[in-house]
Amino acid sequence: MEDFEKGKETGLGSFLFMRSSGQQLGELTKLIEAGIILPVMDQVFPLSEINEAMSYIESGRAKG
């Protein structure tokens, strides 16, 4: 949480890396619901456009 607050203060944001764990996912849910972590998605692709989505990610322009 401390690293997140530092990123928030500087405007640089923070990254969160997790393993597949029920306990961690529960904690993540609490942080999202409390507005502490704000997910970022700059674009949404339907599954039928998976190739376009992967190209977008590989271009380096994707945020989130």
Protein backbone atom coordinates (compact mmCIF):
# COMPACT_ATOMS: atom_id res chain seq x y z
CA MET A 1 0.00 0.00 0.00
CA GLU A 2 2.90 2.35 0.73
CA ASP A 3 4.22 2.12 -2.85
CA PHE A 4 0.75 2.85 -4.18
CA GLU A 5 0.51 6.02 -2.08
CA LYS A 6 3.95 7.19 -3.29
CA GLY A 7 2.87 6.71 -6.90
CA LYS A 8 -0.37 8.54 -6.23
CA GLU A 9 1.47 11.51 -4.70
CA THR A 10 3.86 11.86 -7.61
CA GLY A 11 1.23 11.25 -10.29
CA LEU A 12 3.23 8.30 -11.61
CA GLY A 13 0.71 5.70 -10.52
CA SER A 14 1.54 2.21 -9.42
CA PHE A 15 1.51 -1.31 -10.77
CA LEU A 16 0.08 -4.33 -9.02
CA PHE A 17 1.29 -7.84 -9.78
CA MET A 18 -0.56 -10.81 -8.30
CA ARG A 19 -0.60 -14.57 -8.33
CA SER A 20 -3.81 -16.51 -8.67
CA SER A 21 -4.89 -16.65 -5.05
CA GLY A 22 -8.38 -16.42 -3.57
CA GLN A 23 -7.06 -14.43 -0.61
CA GLN A 24 -5.20 -11.93 -2.82
CA LEU A 25 -8.19 -11.57 -5.16
CA GLY A 26 -10.38 -10.84 -2.14
CA GLU A 27 -7.98 -8.12 -0.99
CA LEU A 28 -7.84 -6.69 -4.51
CA THR A 29 -11.65 -6.59 -4.63
CA LYS A 30 -11.72 -4.60 -1.38
CA LEU A 31 -9.20 -2.07 -2.74
CA ILE A 32 -11.14 -1.63 -5.99
CA GLU A 33 -14.47 -1.27 -4.19
CA ALA A 34 -12.93 1.32 -1.82
CA GLY A 35 -11.69 3.34 -4.80
CA ILE A 36 -8.05 2.89 -3.76
CA ILE A 37 -7.16 1.04 -6.96
CA LEU A 38 -8.65 2.40 -10.15
CA PRO A 39 -8.47 0.00 -13.10
CA VAL A 40 -7.50 1.61 -16.41
CA MET A 41 -8.75 0.37 -19.78
CA ASP A 42 -8.25 2.62 -22.78
CA GLN A 43 -9.96 0.32 -25.25
CA VAL A 44 -12.15 -2.80 -25.22
CA PHE A 45 -12.19 -5.33 -28.06
CA PRO A 46 -14.78 -8.06 -28.64
CA LEU A 47 -13.38 -11.58 -28.65
CA SER A 48 -13.94 -11.75 -32.41
CA GLU A 49 -11.28 -9.02 -32.78
CA ILE A 50 -8.56 -10.77 -30.77
CA ASN A 51 -5.98 -10.32 -33.54
CA GLU A 52 -6.58 -6.55 -33.61
CA ALA A 53 -6.39 -6.43 -29.79
CA MET A 54 -3.05 -8.25 -29.76
CA SER A 55 -1.68 -5.92 -32.46
CA TYR A 56 -2.77 -2.93 -30.39
CA ILE A 57 -1.01 -4.28 -27.29
CA GLU A 58 2.14 -5.06 -29.27
CA SER A 59 2.18 -1.51 -30.67
CA GLY A 60 2.97 -0.21 -27.17
CA ARG A 61 0.04 2.25 -27.19
CA ALA A 62 -2.23 0.24 -24.86
CA LYS A 63 -2.91 1.63 -21.39
CA GLY A 64 -4.20 -0.63 -18.67
